[in-house]
Every structure is written in structure tokens, then in C-alpha cells.
PDB file of N, CA and C in Angstrom:
ATOM      1  N   UNK A   1       0.813  -1.190   0.000  1.00  0.00           N
ATOM      2  CA  UNK A   1       0.000   0.000   0.000  1.00  0.00           C
ATOM      3  C   UNK A   1       0.861   1.261   0.000  1.00  0.00           C
ATOM      4  N   UNK A   2       1.961   1.176   0.642  1.00  0.00           N
ATOM      5  CA  UNK A   2       2.874   2.331   0.707  1.00  0.00           C
ATOM      6  C   UNK A   2       3.326   2.732  -0.697  1.00  0.00           C
ATOM      7  N   UNK A   3       3.538   1.753  -1.572  1.00  0.00           N
ATOM      8  CA  UNK A   3       3.997   2.085  -2.925  1.00  0.00           C
ATOM      9  C   UNK A   3       2.928   2.860  -3.690  1.00  0.00           C
ATOM     10  N   UNK A   4       1.657   2.576  -3.438  1.00  0.00           N
ATOM     11  CA  UNK A   4       0.574   3.341  -4.070  1.00  0.00           C
ATOM     12  C   UNK A   4       0.612   4.784  -3.581  1.00  0.00           C
ATOM     13  N   UNK A   5       0.832   4.958  -2.296  1.00  0.00           N
ATOM     14  CA  UNK A   5       0.908   6.314  -1.738  1.00  0.00           C
ATOM     15  C   UNK A   5       2.092   7.071  -2.327  1.00  0.00           C
ATOM     16  N   UNK A   6       3.228   6.392  -2.455  1.00  0.00           N
ATOM     17  CA  UNK A   6       4.413   7.031  -3.025  1.00  0.00           C
ATOM     18  C   UNK A   6       4.174   7.386  -4.486  1.00  0.00           C
ATOM     19  N   UNK A   7       3.572   6.474  -5.216  1.00  0.00           N
ATOM     20  CA  UNK A   7       3.281   6.716  -6.620  1.00  0.00           C
ATOM     21  C   UNK A   7       2.312   7.894  -6.770  1.00  0.00           C
ATOM     22  N   UNK A   8       1.291   7.914  -5.935  1.00  0.00           N
ATOM     23  CA  UNK A   8       0.321   9.015  -5.965  1.00  0.00           C
ATOM     24  C   UNK A   8       1.002  10.348  -5.725  1.00  0.00           C
ATOM     25  N   UNK A   9       1.877  10.389  -4.743  1.00  0.00           N
ATOM     26  CA  UNK A   9       2.592  11.625  -4.432  1.00  0.00           C
ATOM     27  C   UNK A   9       3.411  12.099  -5.630  1.00  0.00           C
ATOM     28  N   UNK A  10       4.110  11.165  -6.287  1.00  0.00           N
ATOM     29  CA  UNK A  10       4.916  11.535  -7.456  1.00  0.00           C
ATOM     30  C   UNK A  10       4.031  12.005  -8.604  1.00  0.00           C
ATOM     31  N   UNK A  11       2.926  11.298  -8.818  1.00  0.00           N
ATOM     32  CA  UNK A  11       2.045  11.660  -9.929  1.00  0.00           C
ATOM     33  C   UNK A  11       1.384  13.017  -9.714  1.00  0.00           C
ATOM     34  N   UNK A  12       1.043  13.312  -8.477  1.00  0.00           N
ATOM     35  CA  UNK A  12       0.425  14.603  -8.194  1.00  0.00           C
ATOM     36  C   UNK A  12       1.400  15.768  -8.366  1.00  0.00           C
ATOM     37  N   UNK A  13       2.680  15.480  -8.387  1.00  0.00           N
ATOM     38  CA  UNK A  13       3.663  16.539  -8.596  1.00  0.00           C
ATOM     39  C   UNK A  13       3.909  16.810 -10.083  1.00  0.00           C
ATOM     40  N   UNK A  14       3.314  16.026 -10.953  1.00  0.00           N
ATOM     41  CA  UNK A  14       3.445  16.252 -12.397  1.00  0.00           C
ATOM     42  C   UNK A  14       2.701  17.521 -12.799  1.00  0.00           C
ATOM     43  N   UNK A  15       3.095  18.111 -13.931  1.00  0.00           N
ATOM     44  CA  UNK A  15       2.349  19.273 -14.435  1.00  0.00           C
ATOM     45  C   UNK A  15       0.897  18.873 -14.734  1.00  0.00           C
ATOM     46  N   UNK A  16      -0.002  19.831 -14.653  1.00  0.00           N
ATOM     47  CA  UNK A  16      -1.422  19.514 -14.814  1.00  0.00           C
ATOM     48  C   UNK A  16      -1.746  18.877 -16.159  1.00  0.00           C
ATOM     49  N   UNK A  17      -1.065  19.247 -17.204  1.00  0.00           N
ATOM     50  CA  UNK A  17      -1.309  18.647 -18.518  1.00  0.00           C
ATOM     51  C   UNK A  17      -0.993  17.148 -18.486  1.00  0.00           C
ATOM     52  N   UNK A  18       0.100  16.791 -17.849  1.00  0.00           N
ATOM     53  CA  UNK A  18       0.486  15.386 -17.731  1.00  0.00           C
ATOM     54  C   UNK A  18      -0.505  14.619 -16.845  1.00  0.00           C
ATOM     55  N   UNK A  19      -0.956  15.245 -15.762  1.00  0.00           N
ATOM     56  CA  UNK A  19      -1.932  14.602 -14.876  1.00  0.00           C
ATOM     57  C   UNK A  19      -3.245  14.369 -15.608  1.00  0.00           C
ATOM     58  N   UNK A  20      -3.644  15.343 -16.433  1.00  0.00           N
ATOM     59  CA  UNK A  20      -4.888  15.204 -17.202  1.00  0.00           C
ATOM     60  C   UNK A  20      -4.782  14.045 -18.184  1.00  0.00           C
ATOM     61  N   UNK A  21      -3.644  13.930 -18.845  1.00  0.00           N
ATOM     62  CA  UNK A  21      -3.425  12.827 -19.776  1.00  0.00           C
ATOM     63  C   UNK A  21      -3.461  11.491 -19.041  1.00  0.00           C
ATOM     64  N   UNK A  22      -2.810  11.434 -17.902  1.00  0.00           N
ATOM     65  CA  UNK A  22      -2.802  10.221 -17.093  1.00  0.00           C
ATOM     66  C   UNK A  22      -4.214   9.871 -16.625  1.00  0.00           C
ATOM     67  N   UNK A  23      -4.956  10.868 -16.169  1.00  0.00           N
ATOM     68  CA  UNK A  23      -6.330  10.638 -15.715  1.00  0.00           C
ATOM     69  C   UNK A  23      -7.181  10.080 -16.849  1.00  0.00           C
ATOM     70  N   UNK A  24      -7.003  10.629 -18.051  1.00  0.00           N
ATOM     71  CA  UNK A  24      -7.744  10.153 -19.213  1.00  0.00           C
ATOM     72  C   UNK A  24      -7.424   8.687 -19.494  1.00  0.00           C
ATOM     73  N   UNK A  25      -6.154   8.339 -19.424  1.00  0.00           N
ATOM     74  CA  UNK A  25      -5.735   6.953 -19.660  1.00  0.00           C
ATOM     75  C   UNK A  25      -6.318   6.013 -18.601  1.00  0.00           C
ATOM     76  N   UNK A  26      -6.320   6.460 -17.343  1.00  0.00           N
ATOM     77  CA  UNK A  26      -6.863   5.631 -16.263  1.00  0.00           C
ATOM     78  C   UNK A  26      -8.364   5.406 -16.445  1.00  0.00           C
ATOM     79  N   UNK A  27      -9.085   6.470 -16.774  1.00  0.00           N
ATOM     80  CA  UNK A  27     -10.529   6.339 -16.989  1.00  0.00           C
ATOM     81  C   UNK A  27     -10.797   5.422 -18.171  1.00  0.00           C
ATOM     82  N   UNK A  28     -10.032   5.588 -19.222  1.00  0.00           N
ATOM     83  CA  UNK A  28     -10.184   4.742 -20.407  1.00  0.00           C
ATOM     84  C   UNK A  28      -9.993   3.272 -20.048  1.00  0.00           C
ATOM     85  N   UNK A  29      -9.022   2.979 -19.196  1.00  0.00           N
ATOM     86  CA  UNK A  29      -8.779   1.582 -18.815  1.00  0.00           C
ATOM     87  C   UNK A  29      -9.941   1.031 -17.999  1.00  0.00           C
ATOM     88  N   UNK A  30     -10.599   1.860 -17.217  1.00  0.00           N
ATOM     89  CA  UNK A  30     -11.760   1.422 -16.441  1.00  0.00           C
ATOM     90  C   UNK A  30     -12.979   1.235 -17.332  1.00  0.00           C
ATOM     91  N   UNK A  31     -13.124   2.084 -18.337  1.00  0.00           N
ATOM     92  CA  UNK A  31     -14.258   1.982 -19.244  1.00  0.00           C
ATOM     93  C   UNK A  31     -14.244   0.662 -19.994  1.00  0.00           C
ATOM     94  N   UNK A  32     -13.075   0.173 -20.340  1.00  0.00           N
ATOM     95  CA  UNK A  32     -13.010  -1.115 -21.021  1.00  0.00           C
ATOM     96  C   UNK A  32     -13.584  -2.208 -20.136  1.00  0.00           C
ATOM     97  N   UNK A  33     -13.268  -2.169 -18.855  1.00  0.00           N
ATOM     98  CA  UNK A  33     -13.822  -3.151 -17.931  1.00  0.00           C
ATOM     99  C   UNK A  33     -15.331  -2.991 -17.831  1.00  0.00           C
ATOM    100  N   UNK A  34     -15.801  -1.768 -17.741  1.00  0.00           N
ATOM    101  CA  UNK A  34     -17.232  -1.519 -17.639  1.00  0.00           C
ATOM    102  C   UNK A  34     -17.936  -1.976 -18.908  1.00  0.00           C
ATOM    103  N   UNK A  35     -17.338  -1.717 -20.071  1.00  0.00           N
ATOM    104  CA  UNK A  35     -17.929  -2.158 -21.329  1.00  0.00           C
ATOM    105  C   UNK A  35     -18.066  -3.670 -21.368  1.00  0.00           C
ATOM    106  N   UNK A  36     -17.076  -4.376 -20.884  1.00  0.00           N
ATOM    107  CA  UNK A  36     -17.138  -5.832 -20.866  1.00  0.00           C
ATOM    108  C   UNK A  36     -18.260  -6.316 -19.969  1.00  0.00           C
ATOM    109  N   UNK A  37     -18.402  -5.686 -18.810  1.00  0.00           N
ATOM    110  CA  UNK A  37     -19.469  -6.069 -17.878  1.00  0.00           C
ATOM    111  C   UNK A  37     -20.831  -5.794 -18.504  1.00  0.00           C
ATOM    112  N   UNK A  38     -20.961  -4.636 -19.132  1.00  0.00           N
ATOM    113  CA  UNK A  38     -22.231  -4.278 -19.771  1.00  0.00           C
ATOM    114  C   UNK A  38     -22.565  -5.284 -20.877  1.00  0.00           C
ATOM    115  N   UNK A  39     -21.586  -5.673 -21.669  1.00  0.00           N
ATOM    116  CA  UNK A  39     -21.824  -6.649 -22.729  1.00  0.00           C
ATOM    117  C   UNK A  39     -22.301  -7.978 -22.159  1.00  0.00           C
ATOM    118  N   UNK A  40     -21.710  -8.420 -21.080  1.00  0.00           N
ATOM    119  CA  UNK A  40     -22.114  -9.682 -20.458  1.00  0.00           C
ATOM    120  C   UNK A  40     -23.543  -9.580 -19.927  1.00  0.00           C
ATOM    121  N   UNK A  41     -23.868  -8.468 -19.274  1.00  0.00           N
ATOM    122  CA  UNK A  41     -25.214  -8.286 -18.730  1.00  0.00           C
ATOM    123  C   UNK A  41     -26.254  -8.296 -19.849  1.00  0.00           C
ATOM    124  N   UNK A  42     -25.965  -7.594 -20.955  1.00  0.00           N
ATOM    125  CA  UNK A  42     -26.905  -7.579 -22.072  1.00  0.00           C
ATOM    126  C   UNK A  42     -27.029  -8.954 -22.713  1.00  0.00           C
ATOM    127  N   UNK A  43     -25.948  -9.697 -22.778  1.00  0.00           N
ATOM    128  CA  UNK A  43     -26.004 -11.050 -23.334  1.00  0.00           C
ATOM    129  C   UNK A  43     -26.904 -11.939 -22.471  1.00  0.00           C
ATOM    130  N   UNK A  44     -26.768 -11.842 -21.165  1.00  0.00           N
ATOM    131  CA  UNK A  44     -27.617 -12.613 -20.253  1.00  0.00           C
ATOM    132  C   UNK A  44     -29.084 -12.223 -20.450  1.00  0.00           C
ATOM    133  N   UNK A  45     -29.345 -10.914 -20.522  1.00  0.00           N
ATOM    134  CA  UNK A  45     -30.716 -10.433 -20.715  1.00  0.00           C
ATOM    135  C   UNK A  45     -31.288 -10.933 -22.041  1.00  0.00           C
ATOM    136  N   UNK A  46     -30.497 -10.885 -23.099  1.00  0.00           N
ATOM    137  CA  UNK A  46     -30.962 -11.355 -24.412  1.00  0.00           C
ATOM    138  C   UNK A  46     -31.299 -12.841 -24.368  1.00  0.00           C
ATOM    139  N   UNK A  47     -30.473 -13.623 -23.708  1.00  0.00           N
ATOM    140  CA  UNK A  47     -30.745 -15.068 -23.595  1.00  0.00           C
ATOM    141  C   UNK A  47     -32.005 -15.336 -22.779  1.00  0.00           C
ATOM    142  N   UNK A  48     -32.192 -14.564 -21.702  1.00  0.00           N
ATOM    143  CA  UNK A  48     -33.412 -14.734 -20.903  1.00  0.00           C
ATOM    144  C   UNK A  48     -34.653 -14.419 -21.738  1.00  0.00           C
ATOM    145  N   UNK A  49     -34.601 -13.340 -22.490  1.00  0.00           N
ATOM    146  CA  UNK A  49     -35.743 -12.969 -23.338  1.00  0.00           C
ATOM    147  C   UNK A  49     -35.988 -14.010 -24.421  1.00  0.00           C
ATOM    148  N   UNK A  50     -34.913 -14.503 -25.025  1.00  0.00           N
ATOM    149  CA  UNK A  50     -35.041 -15.557 -26.034  1.00  0.00           C
ATOM    150  C   UNK A  50     -35.726 -16.779 -25.438  1.00  0.00           C
ATOM    151  N   UNK A  51     -35.287 -17.181 -24.259  1.00  0.00           N
ATOM    152  CA  UNK A  51     -35.856 -18.356 -23.601  1.00  0.00           C
ATOM    153  C   UNK A  51     -37.328 -18.152 -23.268  1.00  0.00           C
ATOM    154  N   UNK A  52     -37.705 -16.930 -22.868  1.00  0.00           N
ATOM    155  CA  UNK A  52     -39.111 -16.647 -22.581  1.00  0.00           C
ATOM    156  C   UNK A  52     -39.973 -16.774 -23.824  1.00  0.00           C
ATOM    157  N   UNK A  53     -39.455 -16.334 -24.956  1.00  0.00           N
ATOM    158  CA  UNK A  53     -40.189 -16.470 -26.213  1.00  0.00           C
ATOM    159  C   UNK A  53     -40.286 -17.952 -26.590  1.00  0.00           C
ATOM    160  N   UNK A  54     -39.190 -18.660 -26.472  1.00  0.00           N
ATOM    161  CA  UNK A  54     -39.175 -20.083 -26.845  1.00  0.00           C
ATOM    162  C   UNK A  54     -40.102 -20.927 -25.975  1.00  0.00           C
ATOM    163  N   UNK A  55     -40.150 -20.638 -24.672  1.00  0.00           N
ATOM    164  CA  UNK A  55     -40.988 -21.477 -23.806  1.00  0.00           C
ATOM    165  C   UNK A  55     -42.427 -20.978 -23.730  1.00  0.00           C
ATOM    166  N   UNK A  56     -42.726 -19.883 -24.446  1.00  0.00           N
ATOM    167  CA  UNK A  56     -44.101 -19.406 -24.543  1.00  0.00           C
ATOM    168  C   UNK A  56     -44.578 -18.582 -23.363  1.00  0.00           C
ATOM    169  N   UNK A  57     -43.686 -18.212 -22.458  1.00  0.00           N
ATOM    170  CA  UNK A  57     -44.125 -17.420 -21.302  1.00  0.00           C
ATOM    171  C   UNK A  57     -44.415 -15.970 -21.681  1.00  0.00           C
ATOM    172  N   UNK A  58     -43.904 -15.530 -22.822  1.00  0.00           N
ATOM    173  CA  UNK A  58     -44.264 -14.212 -23.357  1.00  0.00           C
ATOM    174  C   UNK A  58     -44.490 -14.335 -24.853  1.00  0.00           C
ATOM    175  N   UNK A  59     -45.253 -13.404 -25.380  1.00  0.00           N
ATOM    176  CA  UNK A  59     -45.499 -13.365 -26.813  1.00  0.00           C
ATOM    177  C   UNK A  59     -44.776 -12.151 -27.390  1.00  0.00           C
ATOM    178  N   UNK A  60     -43.955 -12.362 -28.390  1.00  0.00           N
ATOM    179  CA  UNK A  60     -43.241 -11.224 -28.979  1.00  0.00           C
ATOM    180  C   UNK A  60     -44.209 -10.332 -29.754  1.00  0.00           C
ATOM    181  N   UNK A  61     -43.826  -9.065 -29.894  1.00  0.00           N
ATOM    182  CA  UNK A  61     -44.586  -8.136 -30.726  1.00  0.00           C
ATOM    183  C   UNK A  61     -43.629  -7.540 -31.754  1.00  0.00           C
ATOM    184  N   UNK A  62     -44.198  -6.969 -32.781  1.00  0.00           N
ATOM    185  CA  UNK A  62     -43.360  -6.382 -33.834  1.00  0.00           C
ATOM    186  C   UNK A  62     -42.667  -5.126 -33.324  1.00  0.00           C
ATOM    187  N   UNK A  63     -41.614  -4.763 -34.007  1.00  0.00           N
ATOM    188  CA  UNK A  63     -40.888  -3.542 -33.650  1.00  0.00           C
ATOM    189  C   UNK A  63     -41.778  -2.312 -33.756  1.00  0.00           C
ATOM    190  N   UNK A  64     -42.624  -2.274 -34.793  1.00  0.00           N
ATOM    191  CA  UNK A  64     -43.539  -1.141 -34.964  1.00  0.00           C
ATOM    192  C   UNK A  64     -44.499  -1.033 -33.784  1.00  0.00           C
ATOM    193  N   UNK A  65     -45.050  -2.174 -33.340  1.00  0.00           N
ATOM    194  CA  UNK A  65     -45.961  -2.161 -32.192  1.00  0.00           C
ATOM    195  C   UNK A  65     -45.234  -1.731 -30.918  1.00  0.00           C
ATOM    196  N   UNK A  66     -44.004  -2.189 -30.745  1.00  0.00           N
ATOM    197  CA  UNK A  66     -43.227  -1.819 -29.558  1.00  0.00           C
ATOM    198  C   UNK A  66     -42.978  -0.315 -29.537  1.00  0.00           C
ATOM    199  N   UNK A  67     -42.612   0.252 -30.686  1.00  0.00           N
ATOM    200  CA  UNK A  67     -42.385   1.700 -30.758  1.00  0.00           C
ATOM    201  C   UNK A  67     -43.667   2.484 -30.504  1.00  0.00           C
ATOM    202  N   UNK A  68     -44.782   2.001 -31.039  1.00  0.00           N
ATOM    203  CA  UNK A  68     -46.062   2.676 -30.823  1.00  0.00           C
ATOM    204  C   UNK A  68     -46.427   2.668 -29.344  1.00  0.00           C
ATOM    205  N   UNK A  69     -46.226   1.540 -28.678  1.00  0.00           N
ATOM    206  CA  UNK A  69     -46.507   1.457 -27.243  1.00  0.00           C
ATOM    207  C   UNK A  69     -45.618   2.425 -26.456  1.00  0.00           C
ATOM    208  N   UNK A  70     -44.345   2.468 -26.819  1.00  0.00           N
ATOM    209  CA  UNK A  70     -43.409   3.360 -26.122  1.00  0.00           C
ATOM    210  C   UNK A  70     -43.812   4.811 -26.313  1.00  0.00           C
ATOM    211  N   UNK A  71     -44.184   5.161 -27.523  1.00  0.00           N
ATOM    212  CA  UNK A  71     -44.602   6.547 -27.793  1.00  0.00           C
ATOM    213  C   UNK A  71     -45.837   6.926 -26.991  1.00  0.00           C
ATOM    214  N   UNK A  72     -46.806   6.003 -26.916  1.00  0.00           N
ATOM    215  CA  UNK A  72     -48.019   6.288 -26.145  1.00  0.00           C
ATOM    216  C   UNK A  72     -47.698   6.515 -24.669  1.00  0.00           C
ATOM    217  N   UNK A  73     -46.715   5.807 -24.164  1.00  0.00           N
ATOM    218  CA  UNK A  73     -46.366   5.936 -22.739  1.00  0.00           C
ATOM    219  C   UNK A  73     -45.637   7.233 -22.417  1.00  0.00           C
ATOM    220  N   UNK A  74     -44.909   7.780 -23.388  1.00  0.00           N
ATOM    221  CA  UNK A  74     -44.121   8.979 -23.082  1.00  0.00           C
ATOM    222  C   UNK A  74     -44.785  10.262 -23.556  1.00  0.00           C
ATOM    223  N   UNK A  75     -45.772  10.162 -24.443  1.00  0.00           N
ATOM    224  CA  UNK A  75     -46.439  11.371 -24.923  1.00  0.00           C
ATOM    225  C   UNK A  75     -47.522  11.790 -23.938  1.00  0.00           C
ATOM    226  N   UNK A  76     -47.657  13.098 -23.726  1.00  0.00           N
ATOM    227  CA  UNK A  76     -48.695  13.579 -22.783  1.00  0.00           C
ATOM    228  C   UNK A  76     -50.096  13.388 -23.316  1.00  0.00           C
TER     229      UNK A  76
END
């Protein structure tokens, strides 16, 4: 843990332009992890929906009907 503190101290002494670049790189590295998690969650959701259609627990509707329903719900 001490090495993280030492590294932080050194990094905070960098010029602000360098710190901004470093911050951007760090955020970018975290976004890749988040993107992977989001992809897995959506894949699970898609499989669950597929299975519901296959086993007959829900009836699919057309894309046009889905959009019409959504519009009715959000329009005053």
C-alpha cells in the first residue's frame, strides 16, 4: 500500500497537462472493464428474453408495435 501512496505523491507533482493525460488513460482503462461487464449483462438479458419467447411465457410483438406502445407511454 505504501507504494501506491508514493506513486500518488509523485504523480500529483506532475504538471497539470500530464496529470490530465494520465487521468484520461486511467478512466479509459476502467471503461473497457465496464464495457465488458455491460456486454455480459446484455447477453444474459438477451438469452433470458429468447428463452421466454421459446418457452411461450411471453409473446413477442413487432418492432412497430413496440415503438407505438413506447410513444403512447411517453407522450402527454
